[in-house]
Amino acid sequence: MTSVAEKSRVGTAGTPPPGTARRASAWVRRAPLLPALIFMIIVTQLPFVATLVISFMDWNAYYPDERGFAGFDNFVRVFTDVNMRDAVWTTILLTAGVVLISLLLGLGIALLLDRKFRGRGAVRTMMIAPFLVVPVAAALIWKHALYNPEYGLFNGALTWFWGLFGSDNPPQPDWISNMPLWAVIFSLVWQWTPFMMLILLAGLQGRPLDVIEAARIDGANSWQIFRSMTLPHLRQYLELGALLGSIYIVQNFDAVFTITSGGLGTANLPYTIYQIFYQAHDYGRASAAAVIVVIGTIIIATFALRTVSSLFREESGR
């Protein structure tokens, strides 16, 4: 006579146990994702593992016979190098400037586009356009079409403005030479403001309008509603925009390379790593610097994911 344990293993009428069926069902759902997962591991994780291994090596293409294990020497050189410390400070200034200005402009534009007016859809589409431009193309536009001291739009506008007052000698500044870091910041602000606007506009769409209407009935003006209700509601969206923007801007290479070529004190960490790798051919030190940047980016991304998770929890709890 078959025991109860044997029946549970075999199942009813020869069918597999429930646990085995659940595992099989889970694998059936996950199997279509395996090719994408394997592809992502090959494309992203294997190069990072190779970079991590090279970061512990003394490997310079100018001295091919002296390649060997260096331990943590490359990381020590990265932290003690004056140029690397300057690049870290430049990266912080560049990232903070772009994120803060983009958030402020994005908040203002989002508040305007949250209002109802004719053609609002078309205006929203046009406001998103700068974010869709290829980064190198956007940097070239700013370098040649706007900043150029001879035929750029900014100096042309100065010439027209001073001509209104009858002046024949308008100022024609060389914008990139006079303010190199701000030249890069403004070009990135133009491109990242639509991104911040989209996030904040999504937050504005989720405001409890009935509570705001009740506040208006009670006599609250627009500034009081914004300060006490809208801004606290947008706090997590502001944090999310700042974190996501920081993740991408801290890795920016295109604008620095295209506009200033890393000169005039604008060399950030990605550009400095590029110089160490492709010009100094010091593969070990460049890999160590890249690993440090990746670790910093992962730390920022962790906070971004926590912010996103809290937003989802709040939305699902409503």
C-alpha atoms as a PDB file:
ATOM      1  CA  MET A   1       0.000   0.000   0.000  1.00  0.00           C
ATOM      2  CA  THR A   2       1.459   3.380  -1.003  1.00  0.00           C
ATOM      3  CA  SER A   3       2.382   5.599   1.909  1.00  0.00           C
ATOM      4  CA  VAL A   4       1.228   9.173   2.337  1.00  0.00           C
ATOM      5  CA  ALA A   5       4.790  10.485   1.772  1.00  0.00           C
ATOM      6  CA  GLU A   6       5.068   8.592  -1.487  1.00  0.00           C
ATOM      7  CA  LYS A   7       1.738   9.988  -2.630  1.00  0.00           C
ATOM      8  CA  SER A   8       2.860  13.528  -1.903  1.00  0.00           C
ATOM      9  CA  ARG A   9       6.036  12.952  -3.913  1.00  0.00           C
ATOM     10  CA  VAL A  10       4.332  11.362  -6.867  1.00  0.00           C
ATOM     11  CA  GLY A  11       1.196  13.515  -6.735  1.00  0.00           C
ATOM     12  CA  THR A  12      -2.349  12.691  -7.624  1.00  0.00           C
ATOM     13  CA  ALA A  13      -2.749  10.400 -10.644  1.00  0.00           C
ATOM     14  CA  GLY A  14       0.972  10.606 -11.446  1.00  0.00           C
ATOM     15  CA  THR A  15       1.112  14.408 -11.664  1.00  0.00           C
ATOM     16  CA  PRO A  16       4.261  16.184 -10.303  1.00  0.00           C
ATOM     17  CA  PRO A  17       4.149  17.668  -6.788  1.00  0.00           C
ATOM     18  CA  PRO A  18       2.863  21.289  -6.484  1.00  0.00           C
ATOM     19  CA  GLY A  19       6.345  22.648  -5.661  1.00  0.00           C
ATOM     20  CA  THR A  20       7.833  21.164  -8.829  1.00  0.00           C
ATOM     21  CA  ALA A  21       4.980  22.569 -10.920  1.00  0.00           C
ATOM     22  CA  ARG A  22       5.502  26.030  -9.485  1.00  0.00           C
ATOM     23  CA  ARG A  23       9.233  25.898 -10.194  1.00  0.00           C
ATOM     24  CA  ALA A  24       8.599  24.723 -13.743  1.00  0.00           C
ATOM     25  CA  SER A  25       6.076  27.506 -14.261  1.00  0.00           C
ATOM     26  CA  ALA A  26       8.565  30.061 -12.949  1.00  0.00           C
ATOM     27  CA  TRP A  27      11.229  28.839 -15.361  1.00  0.00           C
ATOM     28  CA  VAL A  28       8.765  28.982 -18.251  1.00  0.00           C
ATOM     29  CA  ARG A  29       8.139  32.648 -17.462  1.00  0.00           C
ATOM     30  CA  ARG A  30      11.837  33.465 -17.019  1.00  0.00           C
ATOM     31  CA  ALA A  31      13.221  31.514 -19.969  1.00  0.00           C
ATOM     32  CA  PRO A  32      12.422  34.203 -22.597  1.00  0.00           C
ATOM     33  CA  LEU A  33      14.427  36.692 -20.523  1.00  0.00           C
ATOM     34  CA  LEU A  34      17.574  34.557 -20.389  1.00  0.00           C
ATOM     35  CA  PRO A  35      19.015  35.679 -23.790  1.00  0.00           C
ATOM     36  CA  ALA A  36      18.653  39.333 -22.797  1.00  0.00           C
ATOM     37  CA  LEU A  37      20.181  38.620 -19.381  1.00  0.00           C
ATOM     38  CA  ILE A  38      23.132  36.770 -20.905  1.00  0.00           C
ATOM     39  CA  PHE A  39      23.631  39.567 -23.425  1.00  0.00           C
ATOM     40  CA  MET A  40      23.623  42.200 -20.649  1.00  0.00           C
ATOM     41  CA  ILE A  41      26.148  40.212 -18.620  1.00  0.00           C
ATOM     42  CA  ILE A  42      28.473  39.899 -21.620  1.00  0.00           C
ATOM     43  CA  VAL A  43      28.158  43.559 -22.601  1.00  0.00           C
ATOM     44  CA  THR A  44      28.307  45.176 -19.149  1.00  0.00           C
ATOM     45  CA  GLN A  45      29.656  42.851 -16.461  1.00  0.00           C
ATOM     46  CA  LEU A  46      32.511  41.150 -18.283  1.00  0.00           C
ATOM     47  CA  PRO A  47      34.107  44.472 -19.360  1.00  0.00           C
ATOM     48  CA  PHE A  48      33.769  45.741 -15.793  1.00  0.00           C
ATOM     49  CA  VAL A  49      35.457  42.607 -14.438  1.00  0.00           C
ATOM     50  CA  ALA A  50      38.264  43.100 -16.973  1.00  0.00           C
ATOM     51  CA  THR A  51      38.586  46.749 -15.904  1.00  0.00           C
ATOM     52  CA  LEU A  52      38.694  45.697 -12.261  1.00  0.00           C
ATOM     53  CA  VAL A  53      41.491  43.198 -12.972  1.00  0.00           C
ATOM     54  CA  ILE A  54      43.512  45.751 -14.986  1.00  0.00           C
ATOM     55  CA  SER A  55      43.136  48.319 -12.188  1.00  0.00           C
ATOM     56  CA  PHE A  56      45.374  46.115 -10.009  1.00  0.00           C
ATOM     57  CA  MET A  57      48.063  45.860 -12.681  1.00  0.00           C
ATOM     58  CA  ASP A  58      51.060  48.000 -13.561  1.00  0.00           C
ATOM     59  CA  TRP A  59      50.319  48.234 -17.269  1.00  0.00           C
ATOM     60  CA  ASN A  60      51.616  51.070 -19.444  1.00  0.00           C
ATOM     61  CA  ALA A  61      51.806  50.668 -23.211  1.00  0.00           C
ATOM     62  CA  TYR A  62      55.030  52.688 -23.302  1.00  0.00           C
ATOM     63  CA  TYR A  63      56.728  50.041 -21.117  1.00  0.00           C
ATOM     64  CA  PRO A  64      55.330  46.700 -22.346  1.00  0.00           C
ATOM     65  CA  ASP A  65      58.044  44.634 -20.652  1.00  0.00           C
ATOM     66  CA  GLU A  66      57.294  46.005 -17.174  1.00  0.00           C
ATOM     67  CA  ARG A  67      53.731  44.768 -16.898  1.00  0.00           C
ATOM     68  CA  GLY A  68      52.869  43.110 -13.592  1.00  0.00           C
ATOM     69  CA  PHE A  69      50.755  43.113 -10.458  1.00  0.00           C
ATOM     70  CA  ALA A  70      50.621  46.500  -8.698  1.00  0.00           C
ATOM     71  CA  GLY A  71      48.153  45.893  -5.864  1.00  0.00           C
ATOM     72  CA  PHE A  72      46.482  49.087  -4.684  1.00  0.00           C
ATOM     73  CA  ASP A  73      49.222  51.367  -6.064  1.00  0.00           C
ATOM     74  CA  ASN A  74      47.037  52.597  -8.920  1.00  0.00           C
ATOM     75  CA  PHE A  75      44.247  53.570  -6.523  1.00  0.00           C
ATOM     76  CA  VAL A  76      46.753  55.382  -4.294  1.00  0.00           C
ATOM     77  CA  ARG A  77      48.088  57.268  -7.327  1.00  0.00           C
ATOM     78  CA  VAL A  78      44.539  58.225  -8.326  1.00  0.00           C
ATOM     79  CA  PHE A  79      43.772  59.706  -4.892  1.00  0.00           C
ATOM     80  CA  THR A  80      47.136  61.477  -4.568  1.00  0.00           C
ATOM     81  CA  ASP A  81      47.349  62.877  -8.103  1.00  0.00           C
ATOM     82  CA  VAL A  82      46.817  66.662  -8.174  1.00  0.00           C
ATOM     83  CA  ASN A  83      45.237  66.560 -11.640  1.00  0.00           C
ATOM     84  CA  MET A  84      42.830  63.865 -10.505  1.00  0.00           C
ATOM     85  CA  ARG A  85      41.800  65.891  -7.449  1.00  0.00           C
ATOM     86  CA  ASP A  86      41.203  68.902  -9.709  1.00  0.00           C
ATOM     87  CA  ALA A  87      39.117  66.688 -12.000  1.00  0.00           C
ATOM     88  CA  VAL A  88      37.042  65.493  -9.029  1.00  0.00           C
ATOM     89  CA  TRP A  89      36.376  69.095  -7.959  1.00  0.00           C
ATOM     90  CA  THR A  90      35.500  70.092 -11.536  1.00  0.00           C
ATOM     91  CA  THR A  91      33.129  67.116 -11.782  1.00  0.00           C
ATOM     92  CA  ILE A  92      31.396  68.145  -8.552  1.00  0.00           C
ATOM     93  CA  LEU A  93      30.998  71.758  -9.709  1.00  0.00           C
ATOM     94  CA  LEU A  94      29.795  70.706 -13.152  1.00  0.00           C
ATOM     95  CA  THR A  95      27.297  68.164 -11.828  1.00  0.00           C
ATOM     96  CA  ALA A  96      25.948  70.371  -9.037  1.00  0.00           C
ATOM     97  CA  GLY A  97      25.622  73.411 -11.315  1.00  0.00           C
ATOM     98  CA  VAL A  98      23.792  71.551 -14.070  1.00  0.00           C
ATOM     99  CA  VAL A  99      21.471  69.669 -11.690  1.00  0.00           C
ATOM    100  CA  LEU A 100      20.492  72.692  -9.585  1.00  0.00           C
ATOM    101  CA  ILE A 101      19.906  75.065 -12.501  1.00  0.00           C
ATOM    102  CA  SER A 102      18.063  72.399 -14.506  1.00  0.00           C
ATOM    103  CA  LEU A 103      15.828  71.609 -11.542  1.00  0.00           C
ATOM    104  CA  LEU A 104      14.921  75.255 -10.986  1.00  0.00           C
ATOM    105  CA  LEU A 105      14.215  75.887 -14.668  1.00  0.00           C
ATOM    106  CA  GLY A 106      12.402  72.558 -15.009  1.00  0.00           C
ATOM    107  CA  LEU A 107      10.215  73.382 -12.013  1.00  0.00           C
ATOM    108  CA  GLY A 108       9.276  76.775 -13.441  1.00  0.00           C
ATOM    109  CA  ILE A 109       8.492  75.357 -16.885  1.00  0.00           C
ATOM    110  CA  ALA A 110       6.535  72.441 -15.371  1.00  0.00           C
ATOM    111  CA  LEU A 111       4.373  74.865 -13.376  1.00  0.00           C
ATOM    112  CA  LEU A 112       3.648  76.830 -16.542  1.00  0.00           C
ATOM    113  CA  LEU A 113       2.871  73.741 -18.631  1.00  0.00           C
ATOM    114  CA  ASP A 114       0.601  72.363 -15.910  1.00  0.00           C
ATOM    115  CA  ARG A 115      -1.842  75.158 -16.694  1.00  0.00           C
ATOM    116  CA  LYS A 116      -4.491  74.687 -19.351  1.00  0.00           C
ATOM    117  CA  PHE A 117      -4.024  76.746 -22.508  1.00  0.00           C
ATOM    118  CA  ARG A 118      -4.474  76.307 -26.234  1.00  0.00           C
ATOM    119  CA  GLY A 119      -1.630  74.383 -27.885  1.00  0.00           C
ATOM    120  CA  ARG A 120      -0.323  72.946 -24.617  1.00  0.00           C
ATOM    121  CA  GLY A 121       0.465  69.584 -26.230  1.00  0.00           C
ATOM    122  CA  ALA A 122       2.539  71.177 -28.991  1.00  0.00           C
ATOM    123  CA  VAL A 123       4.423  73.335 -26.499  1.00  0.00           C
ATOM    124  CA  ARG A 124       5.213  70.309 -24.334  1.00  0.00           C
ATOM    125  CA  THR A 125       6.563  68.452 -27.365  1.00  0.00           C
ATOM    126  CA  MET A 126       8.797  71.372 -28.336  1.00  0.00           C
ATOM    127  CA  MET A 127      10.088  71.724 -24.788  1.00  0.00           C
ATOM    128  CA  ILE A 128      11.141  68.059 -24.763  1.00  0.00           C
ATOM    129  CA  ALA A 129      13.069  68.404 -28.058  1.00  0.00           C
ATOM    130  CA  PRO A 130      16.453  69.510 -26.586  1.00  0.00           C
ATOM    131  CA  PHE A 131      16.673  66.329 -24.536  1.00  0.00           C
ATOM    132  CA  LEU A 132      16.305  64.250 -27.713  1.00  0.00           C
ATOM    133  CA  VAL A 133      19.248  65.893 -29.486  1.00  0.00           C
ATOM    134  CA  VAL A 134      22.420  63.784 -29.734  1.00  0.00           C
ATOM    135  CA  PRO A 135      24.823  65.076 -27.019  1.00  0.00           C
ATOM    136  CA  VAL A 136      27.701  65.683 -29.451  1.00  0.00           C
ATOM    137  CA  ALA A 137      25.391  67.539 -31.850  1.00  0.00           C
ATOM    138  CA  ALA A 138      24.069  69.675 -28.975  1.00  0.00           C
ATOM    139  CA  ALA A 139      27.611  70.542 -27.884  1.00  0.00           C
ATOM    140  CA  LEU A 140      28.545  71.476 -31.462  1.00  0.00           C
ATOM    141  CA  ILE A 141      25.488  73.723 -31.724  1.00  0.00           C
ATOM    142  CA  TRP A 142      26.508  75.598 -28.584  1.00  0.00           C
ATOM    143  CA  LYS A 143      30.165  75.812 -29.567  1.00  0.00           C
ATOM    144  CA  HIS A 144      29.725  77.074 -33.114  1.00  0.00           C
ATOM    145  CA  ALA A 145      26.193  78.451 -33.481  1.00  0.00           C
ATOM    146  CA  LEU A 146      25.975  80.233 -30.112  1.00  0.00           C
ATOM    147  CA  TYR A 147      29.405  80.761 -28.514  1.00  0.00           C
ATOM    148  CA  ASN A 148      31.499  81.591 -31.589  1.00  0.00           C
ATOM    149  CA  PRO A 149      32.865  85.151 -31.130  1.00  0.00           C
ATOM    150  CA  GLU A 150      32.685  85.957 -34.860  1.00  0.00           C
ATOM    151  CA  TYR A 151      29.372  84.583 -36.079  1.00  0.00           C
ATOM    152  CA  GLY A 152      27.716  83.154 -32.954  1.00  0.00           C
ATOM    153  CA  LEU A 153      24.142  84.006 -32.014  1.00  0.00           C
ATOM    154  CA  PHE A 154      25.080  85.479 -28.625  1.00  0.00           C
ATOM    155  CA  ASN A 155      27.475  88.051 -30.062  1.00  0.00           C
ATOM    156  CA  GLY A 156      25.051  88.738 -32.882  1.00  0.00           C
ATOM    157  CA  ALA A 157      22.361  89.508 -30.302  1.00  0.00           C
ATOM    158  CA  LEU A 158      24.803  91.829 -28.477  1.00  0.00           C
ATOM    159  CA  THR A 159      25.557  93.633 -31.739  1.00  0.00           C
ATOM    160  CA  TRP A 160      21.840  94.111 -32.429  1.00  0.00           C
ATOM    161  CA  PHE A 161      21.131  95.225 -28.857  1.00  0.00           C
ATOM    162  CA  TRP A 162      23.937  97.781 -28.768  1.00  0.00           C
ATOM    163  CA  GLY A 163      22.919  98.976 -32.232  1.00  0.00           C
ATOM    164  CA  LEU A 164      19.567 100.051 -30.763  1.00  0.00           C
ATOM    165  CA  PHE A 165      21.483 102.627 -28.702  1.00  0.00           C
ATOM    166  CA  GLY A 166      23.592 103.790 -31.649  1.00  0.00           C
ATOM    167  CA  SER A 167      26.832 102.150 -30.511  1.00  0.00           C
ATOM    168  CA  ASP A 168      29.308 101.091 -33.194  1.00  0.00           C
ATOM    169  CA  ASN A 169      31.572  99.069 -30.870  1.00  0.00           C
ATOM    170  CA  PRO A 170      29.479  96.397 -29.153  1.00  0.00           C
ATOM    171  CA  PRO A 171      31.285  93.929 -26.865  1.00  0.00           C
ATOM    172  CA  GLN A 172      32.187  90.687 -28.600  1.00  0.00           C
ATOM    173  CA  PRO A 173      33.385  88.358 -25.827  1.00  0.00           C
ATOM    174  CA  ASP A 174      34.921  84.966 -26.429  1.00  0.00           C
ATOM    175  CA  TRP A 175      32.450  83.051 -24.283  1.00  0.00           C
ATOM    176  CA  ILE A 176      34.390  79.794 -24.094  1.00  0.00           C
ATOM    177  CA  SER A 177      37.696  81.459 -23.192  1.00  0.00           C
ATOM    178  CA  ASN A 178      36.165  83.886 -20.688  1.00  0.00           C
ATOM    179  CA  MET A 179      33.938  81.379 -18.828  1.00  0.00           C
ATOM    180  CA  PRO A 180      34.883  77.847 -19.956  1.00  0.00           C
ATOM    181  CA  LEU A 181      33.195  75.868 -17.179  1.00  0.00           C
ATOM    182  CA  TRP A 182      29.999  77.910 -17.369  1.00  0.00           C
ATOM    183  CA  ALA A 183      29.996  77.422 -21.143  1.00  0.00           C
ATOM    184  CA  VAL A 184      29.846  73.667 -20.599  1.00  0.00           C
ATOM    185  CA  ILE A 185      27.282  74.010 -17.797  1.00  0.00           C
ATOM    186  CA  PHE A 186      24.897  76.133 -19.875  1.00  0.00           C
ATOM    187  CA  SER A 187      24.999  73.697 -22.786  1.00  0.00           C
ATOM    188  CA  LEU A 188      24.158  70.802 -20.457  1.00  0.00           C
ATOM    189  CA  VAL A 189      21.437  72.807 -18.688  1.00  0.00           C
ATOM    190  CA  TRP A 190      19.762  73.404 -22.048  1.00  0.00           C
ATOM    191  CA  GLN A 191      19.739  69.667 -22.675  1.00  0.00           C
ATOM    192  CA  TRP A 192      18.772  68.431 -19.201  1.00  0.00           C
ATOM    193  CA  THR A 193      16.081  70.959 -18.270  1.00  0.00           C
ATOM    194  CA  PRO A 194      13.430  69.062 -20.324  1.00  0.00           C
ATOM    195  CA  PHE A 195      14.278  65.878 -18.406  1.00  0.00           C
ATOM    196  CA  MET A 196      13.718  67.587 -15.069  1.00  0.00           C
ATOM    197  CA  MET A 197      10.560  69.215 -16.419  1.00  0.00           C
ATOM    198  CA  LEU A 198       9.104  65.830 -17.391  1.00  0.00           C
ATOM    199  CA  ILE A 199       9.682  64.337 -13.941  1.00  0.00           C
ATOM    200  CA  LEU A 200       8.254  67.367 -12.124  1.00  0.00           C
ATOM    201  CA  LEU A 201       5.327  67.638 -14.522  1.00  0.00           C
ATOM    202  CA  ALA A 202       4.464  64.025 -13.753  1.00  0.00           C
ATOM    203  CA  GLY A 203       4.553  64.928 -10.066  1.00  0.00           C
ATOM    204  CA  LEU A 204       2.268  67.901 -10.617  1.00  0.00           C
ATOM    205  CA  GLN A 205      -0.225  65.690 -12.437  1.00  0.00           C
ATOM    206  CA  GLY A 206      -0.508  63.556  -9.297  1.00  0.00           C
ATOM    207  CA  ARG A 207      -1.410  66.362  -6.899  1.00  0.00           C
ATOM    208  CA  PRO A 208      -4.677  65.985  -4.943  1.00  0.00           C
ATOM    209  CA  LEU A 209      -6.679  68.693  -6.713  1.00  0.00           C
ATOM    210  CA  ASP A 210      -9.603  68.451  -4.306  1.00  0.00           C
ATOM    211  CA  VAL A 211      -7.338  69.403  -1.388  1.00  0.00           C
ATOM    212  CA  ILE A 212      -5.894  72.323  -3.352  1.00  0.00           C
ATOM    213  CA  GLU A 213      -9.370  73.525  -4.272  1.00  0.00           C
ATOM    214  CA  ALA A 214     -10.403  73.334  -0.625  1.00  0.00           C
ATOM    215  CA  ALA A 215      -7.372  75.429   0.311  1.00  0.00           C
ATOM    216  CA  ARG A 216      -8.358  78.058  -2.261  1.00  0.00           C
ATOM    217  CA  ILE A 217     -11.874  78.176  -0.839  1.00  0.00           C
ATOM    218  CA  ASP A 218     -10.380  78.707   2.627  1.00  0.00           C
ATOM    219  CA  GLY A 219      -8.557  81.784   1.325  1.00  0.00           C
ATOM    220  CA  ALA A 220      -5.035  80.478   0.565  1.00  0.00           C
ATOM    221  CA  ASN A 221      -3.275  82.351  -2.238  1.00  0.00           C
ATOM    222  CA  SER A 222      -1.140  80.769  -4.983  1.00  0.00           C
ATOM    223  CA  TRP A 223       2.170  81.274  -3.156  1.00  0.00           C
ATOM    224  CA  GLN A 224       0.846  79.694   0.042  1.00  0.00           C
ATOM    225  CA  ILE A 225      -0.485  76.707  -1.891  1.00  0.00           C
ATOM    226  CA  PHE A 226       2.826  76.286  -3.699  1.00  0.00           C
ATOM    227  CA  ARG A 227       4.946  76.591  -0.550  1.00  0.00           C
ATOM    228  CA  SER A 228       2.802  74.472   1.767  1.00  0.00           C
ATOM    229  CA  MET A 229       1.268  71.902  -0.591  1.00  0.00           C
ATOM    230  CA  THR A 230       2.857  71.725  -4.051  1.00  0.00           C
ATOM    231  CA  LEU A 231       6.507  71.879  -2.997  1.00  0.00           C
ATOM    232  CA  PRO A 232       6.222  69.198  -0.264  1.00  0.00           C
ATOM    233  CA  HIS A 233       4.377  66.981  -2.739  1.00  0.00           C
ATOM    234  CA  LEU A 234       7.193  67.446  -5.293  1.00  0.00           C
ATOM    235  CA  ARG A 235      10.002  66.757  -2.803  1.00  0.00           C
ATOM    236  CA  GLN A 236      10.524  63.148  -3.846  1.00  0.00           C
ATOM    237  CA  TYR A 237      10.255  64.046  -7.528  1.00  0.00           C
ATOM    238  CA  LEU A 238      12.905  66.724  -7.025  1.00  0.00           C
ATOM    239  CA  GLU A 239      15.110  64.167  -5.287  1.00  0.00           C
ATOM    240  CA  LEU A 240      14.558  61.674  -8.101  1.00  0.00           C
ATOM    241  CA  GLY A 241      15.416  64.253 -10.769  1.00  0.00           C
ATOM    242  CA  ALA A 242      18.541  65.316  -8.890  1.00  0.00           C
ATOM    243  CA  LEU A 243      19.730  61.731  -8.398  1.00  0.00           C
ATOM    244  CA  LEU A 244      19.067  60.576 -11.962  1.00  0.00           C
ATOM    245  CA  GLY A 245      20.589  63.754 -13.366  1.00  0.00           C
ATOM    246  CA  SER A 246      23.677  63.308 -11.201  1.00  0.00           C
ATOM    247  CA  ILE A 247      24.134  59.716 -12.401  1.00  0.00           C
ATOM    248  CA  TYR A 248      24.282  60.812 -16.039  1.00  0.00           C
ATOM    249  CA  ILE A 249      25.983  64.200 -15.744  1.00  0.00           C
ATOM    250  CA  VAL A 250      28.826  62.896 -13.577  1.00  0.00           C
ATOM    251  CA  GLN A 251      29.696  60.649 -16.538  1.00  0.00           C
ATOM    252  CA  ASN A 252      29.416  63.383 -19.165  1.00  0.00           C
ATOM    253  CA  PHE A 253      32.203  63.378 -21.703  1.00  0.00           C
ATOM    254  CA  ASP A 254      30.714  64.737 -24.920  1.00  0.00           C
ATOM    255  CA  ALA A 255      30.243  68.374 -23.906  1.00  0.00           C
ATOM    256  CA  VAL A 256      33.668  68.712 -22.266  1.00  0.00           C
ATOM    257  CA  PHE A 257      35.443  67.055 -25.184  1.00  0.00           C
ATOM    258  CA  THR A 258      33.553  68.990 -27.867  1.00  0.00           C
ATOM    259  CA  ILE A 259      33.391  72.492 -26.371  1.00  0.00           C
ATOM    260  CA  THR A 260      36.707  72.903 -24.516  1.00  0.00           C
ATOM    261  CA  SER A 261      38.667  69.681 -25.182  1.00  0.00           C
ATOM    262  CA  GLY A 262      39.243  69.517 -21.447  1.00  0.00           C
ATOM    263  CA  GLY A 263      41.222  72.753 -21.401  1.00  0.00           C
ATOM    264  CA  LEU A 264      40.885  75.868 -19.249  1.00  0.00           C
ATOM    265  CA  GLY A 265      40.128  73.875 -16.109  1.00  0.00           C
ATOM    266  CA  THR A 266      37.125  71.959 -17.467  1.00  0.00           C
ATOM    267  CA  ALA A 267      38.596  68.443 -17.461  1.00  0.00           C
ATOM    268  CA  ASN A 268      36.204  66.308 -15.415  1.00  0.00           C
ATOM    269  CA  LEU A 269      36.739  62.706 -14.342  1.00  0.00           C
ATOM    270  CA  PRO A 270      35.603  60.996 -17.592  1.00  0.00           C
ATOM    271  CA  TYR A 271      37.808  63.287 -19.678  1.00  0.00           C
ATOM    272  CA  THR A 272      40.783  62.805 -17.338  1.00  0.00           C
ATOM    273  CA  ILE A 273      40.335  59.029 -17.576  1.00  0.00           C
ATOM    274  CA  TYR A 274      40.280  59.403 -21.358  1.00  0.00           C
ATOM    275  CA  GLN A 275      43.556  61.346 -21.235  1.00  0.00           C
ATOM    276  CA  ILE A 276      45.224  58.790 -18.968  1.00  0.00           C
ATOM    277  CA  PHE A 277      44.081  55.876 -21.142  1.00  0.00           C
ATOM    278  CA  TYR A 278      44.457  57.183 -24.693  1.00  0.00           C
ATOM    279  CA  GLN A 279      47.234  59.760 -24.297  1.00  0.00           C
ATOM    280  CA  ALA A 280      49.364  58.536 -21.378  1.00  0.00           C
ATOM    281  CA  HIS A 281      48.491  54.880 -22.182  1.00  0.00           C
ATOM    282  CA  ASP A 282      48.545  54.090 -18.469  1.00  0.00           C
ATOM    283  CA  TYR A 283      45.899  51.391 -18.547  1.00  0.00           C
ATOM    284  CA  GLY A 284      46.203  50.407 -14.897  1.00  0.00           C
ATOM    285  CA  ARG A 285      45.723  53.905 -13.483  1.00  0.00           C
ATOM    286  CA  ALA A 286      42.916  54.708 -15.956  1.00  0.00           C
ATOM    287  CA  SER A 287      41.095  51.510 -14.975  1.00  0.00           C
ATOM    288  CA  ALA A 288      41.479  52.335 -11.261  1.00  0.00           C
ATOM    289  CA  ALA A 289      39.981  55.785 -11.824  1.00  0.00           C
ATOM    290  CA  ALA A 290      37.135  54.243 -13.844  1.00  0.00           C
ATOM    291  CA  VAL A 291      36.371  51.759 -11.052  1.00  0.00           C
ATOM    292  CA  ILE A 292      36.168  54.622  -8.540  1.00  0.00           C
ATOM    293  CA  VAL A 293      33.741  56.510 -10.806  1.00  0.00           C
ATOM    294  CA  VAL A 294      31.586  53.381 -11.228  1.00  0.00           C
ATOM    295  CA  ILE A 295      31.442  52.825  -7.465  1.00  0.00           C
ATOM    296  CA  GLY A 296      30.399  56.439  -6.914  1.00  0.00           C
ATOM    297  CA  THR A 297      27.737  56.114  -9.600  1.00  0.00           C
ATOM    298  CA  ILE A 298      26.409  52.905  -8.011  1.00  0.00           C
ATOM    299  CA  ILE A 299      26.098  54.699  -4.663  1.00  0.00           C
ATOM    300  CA  ILE A 300      24.076  57.502  -6.267  1.00  0.00           C
ATOM    301  CA  ALA A 301      21.983  54.972  -8.201  1.00  0.00           C
ATOM    302  CA  THR A 302      21.153  53.148  -4.954  1.00  0.00           C
ATOM    303  CA  PHE A 303      19.612  56.310  -3.523  1.00  0.00           C
ATOM    304  CA  ALA A 304      17.754  56.862  -6.809  1.00  0.00           C
ATOM    305  CA  LEU A 305      16.268  53.362  -6.683  1.00  0.00           C
ATOM    306  CA  ARG A 306      15.154  53.882  -3.094  1.00  0.00           C
ATOM    307  CA  THR A 307      13.451  57.114  -4.096  1.00  0.00           C
ATOM    308  CA  VAL A 308      11.699  55.398  -7.012  1.00  0.00           C
ATOM    309  CA  SER A 309      10.572  52.556  -4.741  1.00  0.00           C
ATOM    310  CA  SER A 310       9.117  54.974  -2.210  1.00  0.00           C
ATOM    311  CA  LEU A 311       7.241  56.788  -5.000  1.00  0.00           C
ATOM    312  CA  PHE A 312       5.763  53.506  -6.213  1.00  0.00           C
ATOM    313  CA  ARG A 313       4.743  52.546  -2.683  1.00  0.00           C
ATOM    314  CA  GLU A 314       2.984  55.892  -2.216  1.00  0.00           C
ATOM    315  CA  GLU A 315       1.192  55.598  -5.559  1.00  0.00           C
ATOM    316  CA  SER A 316       0.049  52.030  -4.829  1.00  0.00           C
ATOM    317  CA  GLY A 317      -1.167  53.075  -1.359  1.00  0.00           C
ATOM    318  CA  ARG A 318      -3.544  55.693  -2.735  1.00  0.00           C
END
